[in-house]
């Protein structure tokens, strides 16, 4: 199994869902993002998603868009994401990059995969590319032992879900709502059918993201999902300082243990 799958399996063995935490690299600056992400690990995150700031967001809502723009305005460059990944992965926590596809294509798929591997990264989450047009990435990921995390949505047909999950490695990302991050709250009742349809096609763990921000939500979703993915809430908490970020992480970590 990949390191990400192992983290999900460890959580399952403990009778809970995994907690997956997201922050953009370079927010509020590169060193600040490293400190924040390692604080999230210390407070209970099982898997980390490092966002790659990009000027044309795909599924990011206003909270993450603002943080990403701050990182770009401060001079964030693509190589900075590997620096962040290396620092966070050194904790022993599976560390994936979540990115729009264009930066990967511009860098070169093989080169990006090699740099991610060299930094100790676990893989990529790619919200705007689907497996049927991702042959180059799939080949590079397989060559470098990297996870390939594609997304399924409530609007996905059963056939589309099966095609997507068959190409995933690490886990499958199920979006809790139809919309961008940080705007609408996901509910267990709303996302349960998608989780069930996804699990019918794969033995991989299924993580639910988009619309998750509280310990109570994490607890409710953990009754159905193998992992709970939180992003906007962490971005919103970080400006209040590392203690606030750690407190939110602890609340969510307790939530995934209450299912």
Protein backbone atom coordinates (compact mmCIF):
# COMPACT_ATOMS: atom_id res chain seq x y z
CA UNK A 1 0.00 0.00 0.00
CA UNK A 2 1.02 3.61 -0.45
CA UNK A 3 1.87 5.69 2.60
CA UNK A 4 -1.47 7.48 2.22
CA UNK A 5 -3.39 4.19 2.14
CA UNK A 6 -1.45 3.09 5.20
CA UNK A 7 -2.50 6.23 7.10
CA UNK A 8 -6.14 5.54 6.24
CA UNK A 9 -5.72 1.88 7.26
CA UNK A 10 -4.21 2.90 10.60
CA UNK A 11 -7.17 5.18 11.29
CA UNK A 12 -9.60 2.40 10.35
CA UNK A 13 -7.85 0.00 12.71
CA UNK A 14 -8.45 2.56 15.46
CA UNK A 15 -12.16 2.62 14.62
CA UNK A 16 -12.23 6.11 13.14
CA UNK A 17 -11.86 8.11 9.96
CA UNK A 18 -8.62 9.79 8.96
CA UNK A 19 -8.31 13.57 9.23
CA UNK A 20 -6.88 15.21 6.10
CA UNK A 21 -5.82 18.85 6.43
CA UNK A 22 -5.17 21.38 3.67
CA UNK A 23 -3.34 24.71 3.52
CA UNK A 24 -1.81 26.54 0.56
CA UNK A 25 1.97 26.59 0.41
CA UNK A 26 3.24 30.12 0.92
CA UNK A 27 0.37 31.28 3.13
CA UNK A 28 1.03 33.51 4.95
CA UNK A 29 4.57 32.94 3.60
CA UNK A 30 6.63 29.84 2.88
CA UNK A 31 8.08 29.44 6.37
CA UNK A 32 4.72 30.29 7.91
CA UNK A 33 2.98 27.59 5.90
CA UNK A 34 5.56 25.02 7.01
CA UNK A 35 5.04 25.97 10.65
CA UNK A 36 1.26 25.84 10.24
CA UNK A 37 1.18 22.47 8.51
CA UNK A 38 3.55 20.86 10.99
CA UNK A 39 1.39 22.26 13.81
CA UNK A 40 -1.62 20.58 12.19
CA UNK A 41 0.27 17.29 12.11
CA UNK A 42 1.18 17.62 15.78
CA UNK A 43 -2.46 18.37 16.66
CA UNK A 44 -3.94 15.35 14.89
CA UNK A 45 -3.91 15.45 11.07
CA UNK A 46 -3.22 12.03 9.57
CA UNK A 47 -2.64 13.22 6.00
CA UNK A 48 -1.65 16.65 4.68
CA UNK A 49 -2.66 18.36 1.43
CA UNK A 50 -0.35 21.18 0.35
CA UNK A 51 -2.12 23.55 -2.01
CA UNK A 52 -0.11 24.87 -4.95
CA UNK A 53 -1.05 28.55 -5.37
CA UNK A 54 -2.28 29.31 -8.87
CA UNK A 55 -3.89 32.38 -10.38
CA UNK A 56 -6.86 30.57 -11.94
CA UNK A 57 -8.58 28.59 -9.17
CA UNK A 58 -10.83 25.69 -10.11
CA UNK A 59 -12.77 24.67 -6.99
CA UNK A 60 -11.40 27.19 -4.49
CA UNK A 61 -13.94 29.48 -2.85
CA UNK A 62 -13.25 33.04 -1.66
CA UNK A 63 -11.41 32.05 1.54
CA UNK A 64 -8.80 29.93 -0.21
CA UNK A 65 -8.67 32.30 -3.20
CA UNK A 66 -7.67 35.14 -0.89
CA UNK A 67 -4.95 33.05 0.78
CA UNK A 68 -3.59 31.89 -2.57
CA UNK A 69 -3.48 35.44 -3.88
CA UNK A 70 -1.58 36.52 -0.77
CA UNK A 71 0.99 33.80 -1.42
CA UNK A 72 1.36 34.82 -5.07
CA UNK A 73 1.65 38.50 -4.18
CA UNK A 74 4.42 37.62 -1.73
CA UNK A 75 6.44 36.04 -4.53
CA UNK A 76 5.53 32.35 -4.27
CA UNK A 77 7.24 30.23 -6.94
CA UNK A 78 6.59 26.65 -7.98
CA UNK A 79 9.77 25.29 -6.42
CA UNK A 80 8.54 26.58 -3.06
CA UNK A 81 5.88 23.88 -2.97
CA UNK A 82 8.55 21.16 -2.97
CA UNK A 83 10.31 22.91 -0.10
CA UNK A 84 7.07 22.87 1.90
CA UNK A 85 6.36 19.24 1.01
CA UNK A 86 9.85 18.17 2.05
CA UNK A 87 9.53 19.86 5.45
CA UNK A 88 6.09 18.41 6.19
CA UNK A 89 6.87 14.93 4.85
CA UNK A 90 9.87 14.83 7.19
CA UNK A 91 7.36 14.44 10.04
CA UNK A 92 6.44 11.03 8.64
CA UNK A 93 2.97 12.20 7.60
CA UNK A 94 1.83 11.45 4.03
CA UNK A 95 1.99 14.77 2.21
CA UNK A 96 0.22 15.30 -1.10
CA UNK A 97 0.06 18.32 -3.38
CA UNK A 98 -3.34 19.57 -4.49
CA UNK A 99 -3.02 21.51 -7.70
CA UNK A 100 -4.61 22.70 -10.87
CA UNK A 101 -3.16 20.81 -13.80
CA UNK A 102 -1.59 23.71 -15.67
CA UNK A 103 1.42 24.21 -13.33
CA UNK A 104 2.26 20.50 -13.65
CA UNK A 105 2.04 20.63 -17.43
CA UNK A 106 4.13 23.81 -17.60
CA UNK A 107 6.87 22.33 -15.42
CA UNK A 108 6.74 19.06 -17.36
CA UNK A 109 4.88 16.04 -16.02
CA UNK A 110 7.94 13.83 -15.62
CA UNK A 111 10.02 16.58 -14.05
CA UNK A 112 7.23 17.51 -11.63
CA UNK A 113 6.79 13.88 -10.62
CA UNK A 114 10.53 13.50 -10.05
CA UNK A 115 10.72 16.65 -7.93
CA UNK A 116 7.70 15.59 -5.87
CA UNK A 117 9.21 12.16 -5.31
CA UNK A 118 12.58 13.65 -4.36
CA UNK A 119 10.86 15.92 -1.81
CA UNK A 120 9.23 12.91 -0.16
CA UNK A 121 5.75 13.74 -1.42
CA UNK A 122 3.09 11.04 -1.44
CA UNK A 123 1.28 12.10 -4.62
CA UNK A 124 -1.05 14.56 -6.31
CA UNK A 125 -4.70 15.51 -5.99
CA UNK A 126 -5.83 16.85 -9.35
CA UNK A 127 -9.33 18.38 -9.29
CA UNK A 128 -9.39 19.57 -12.91
CA UNK A 129 -8.08 16.57 -14.82
CA UNK A 130 -9.80 13.22 -15.19
CA UNK A 131 -8.13 9.83 -15.69
CA UNK A 132 -9.21 9.48 -19.32
CA UNK A 133 -7.03 12.47 -20.28
CA UNK A 134 -4.31 11.98 -17.68
CA UNK A 135 -2.25 9.21 -19.26
CA UNK A 136 1.03 11.14 -18.95
CA UNK A 137 0.46 11.81 -15.26
CA UNK A 138 -0.64 8.24 -14.54
CA UNK A 139 2.51 6.90 -16.19
CA UNK A 140 4.79 9.34 -14.35
CA UNK A 141 3.07 8.68 -11.02
CA UNK A 142 3.39 4.93 -11.43
CA UNK A 143 7.06 5.29 -12.36
CA UNK A 144 7.77 7.33 -9.22
CA UNK A 145 5.49 5.46 -6.80
CA UNK A 146 3.18 8.45 -6.31
CA UNK A 147 -0.50 8.46 -5.40
CA UNK A 148 -3.03 9.56 -8.02
CA UNK A 149 -6.08 11.08 -6.34
CA UNK A 150 -8.92 11.94 -8.70
CA UNK A 151 -12.29 13.39 -7.74
CA UNK A 152 -15.85 12.13 -7.91
CA UNK A 153 -18.89 14.36 -7.43
CA UNK A 154 -22.60 13.95 -6.70
CA UNK A 155 -23.21 14.54 -10.41
CA UNK A 156 -20.87 11.70 -11.48
CA UNK A 157 -22.54 8.77 -13.19
CA UNK A 158 -21.86 5.27 -11.89
CA UNK A 159 -19.81 4.60 -15.01
CA UNK A 160 -17.76 7.74 -14.44
CA UNK A 161 -17.16 6.85 -10.81
CA UNK A 162 -15.94 3.38 -11.78
CA UNK A 163 -13.59 4.81 -14.40
CA UNK A 164 -12.22 7.31 -11.90
CA UNK A 165 -11.70 4.97 -8.97
CA UNK A 166 -9.97 2.37 -11.15
CA UNK A 167 -7.21 4.91 -11.82
CA UNK A 168 -6.83 6.20 -8.25
CA UNK A 169 -4.08 5.23 -5.85
CA UNK A 170 -3.99 6.28 -2.20
CA UNK A 171 -7.62 7.27 -1.82
CA UNK A 172 -10.59 8.63 -3.74
CA UNK A 173 -11.67 12.24 -3.17
CA UNK A 174 -15.46 12.61 -2.98
CA UNK A 175 -16.74 16.19 -3.08
CA UNK A 176 -19.37 16.77 -0.43
CA UNK A 177 -21.24 19.47 -2.35
CA UNK A 178 -21.70 20.78 -5.87
CA UNK A 179 -19.84 24.07 -5.57
CA UNK A 180 -16.62 25.72 -4.48
CA UNK A 181 -14.90 25.37 -1.13
CA UNK A 182 -15.87 27.25 1.99
CA UNK A 183 -19.34 28.35 0.90
CA UNK A 184 -21.83 25.57 1.76
CA UNK A 185 -21.80 23.00 4.54
CA UNK A 186 -21.76 19.35 3.56
CA UNK A 187 -24.14 17.00 5.34
CA UNK A 188 -23.77 13.30 6.01
CA UNK A 189 -27.20 12.65 4.51
CA UNK A 190 -26.30 14.57 1.39
CA UNK A 191 -22.99 12.88 0.71
CA UNK A 192 -23.81 9.33 1.88
CA UNK A 193 -25.22 8.21 -1.51
CA UNK A 194 -22.06 9.33 -3.32
CA UNK A 195 -19.87 7.52 -0.80
CA UNK A 196 -21.92 4.35 -1.21
CA UNK A 197 -21.76 4.53 -5.01
CA UNK A 198 -18.01 5.11 -4.86
CA UNK A 199 -17.32 2.31 -2.41
CA UNK A 200 -19.24 -0.06 -4.66
CA UNK A 201 -16.49 0.34 -7.25
CA UNK A 202 -13.27 0.21 -5.21
CA UNK A 203 -11.49 -1.10 -2.13
CA UNK A 204 -9.63 2.20 -1.78
CA UNK A 205 -10.54 4.51 1.10
CA UNK A 206 -12.91 7.35 0.26
CA UNK A 207 -12.31 10.80 1.72
CA UNK A 208 -14.95 13.53 1.74
CA UNK A 209 -13.99 17.16 1.24
CA UNK A 210 -15.56 20.52 0.36
CA UNK A 211 -17.98 21.90 2.92
CA UNK A 212 -16.45 20.45 6.11
CA UNK A 213 -15.42 22.80 8.91
CA UNK A 214 -16.47 21.62 12.40
CA UNK A 215 -15.93 18.71 14.74
CA UNK A 216 -19.63 17.90 14.65
CA UNK A 217 -19.57 17.66 10.87
CA UNK A 218 -16.45 15.52 11.00
CA UNK A 219 -18.18 13.15 13.40
CA UNK A 220 -21.29 12.87 11.23
CA UNK A 221 -19.36 12.31 8.00
CA UNK A 222 -17.06 9.77 9.64
CA UNK A 223 -19.99 7.41 9.96
CA UNK A 224 -19.85 7.02 6.16
CA UNK A 225 -16.43 8.13 4.88
CA UNK A 226 -12.95 6.76 5.50
CA UNK A 227 -11.52 10.26 5.69
CA UNK A 228 -12.66 13.81 6.35
CA UNK A 229 -10.90 16.55 4.36
CA UNK A 230 -10.82 20.11 5.69
CA UNK A 231 -9.37 23.16 3.96
CA UNK A 232 -11.16 26.50 4.18
CA UNK A 233 -11.67 26.23 7.93
CA UNK A 234 -7.92 25.85 8.46
CA UNK A 235 -7.20 28.79 6.15
CA UNK A 236 -9.73 30.88 8.08
CA UNK A 237 -8.16 29.93 11.43
CA UNK A 238 -4.50 30.50 10.58
CA UNK A 239 -4.52 34.34 10.75
CA UNK A 240 -5.59 34.00 14.41
CA UNK A 241 -2.30 32.23 15.14
CA UNK A 242 -0.93 28.72 15.54
CA UNK A 243 -2.79 28.09 18.83
CA UNK A 244 -6.12 28.71 17.06
CA UNK A 245 -5.07 26.44 14.21
CA UNK A 246 -4.05 23.69 16.63
CA UNK A 247 -7.31 24.04 18.55
CA UNK A 248 -9.34 23.59 15.38
CA UNK A 249 -7.26 20.58 14.40
CA UNK A 250 -7.84 19.02 17.81
CA UNK A 251 -11.60 19.65 17.54
CA UNK A 252 -11.71 17.95 14.15
CA UNK A 253 -9.48 15.09 15.31
CA UNK A 254 -11.85 14.49 18.19
CA UNK A 255 -14.75 14.65 15.75
CA UNK A 256 -13.49 11.82 13.56
CA UNK A 257 -13.17 9.76 16.73
CA UNK A 258 -16.80 10.30 17.78
CA UNK A 259 -18.49 8.57 14.84
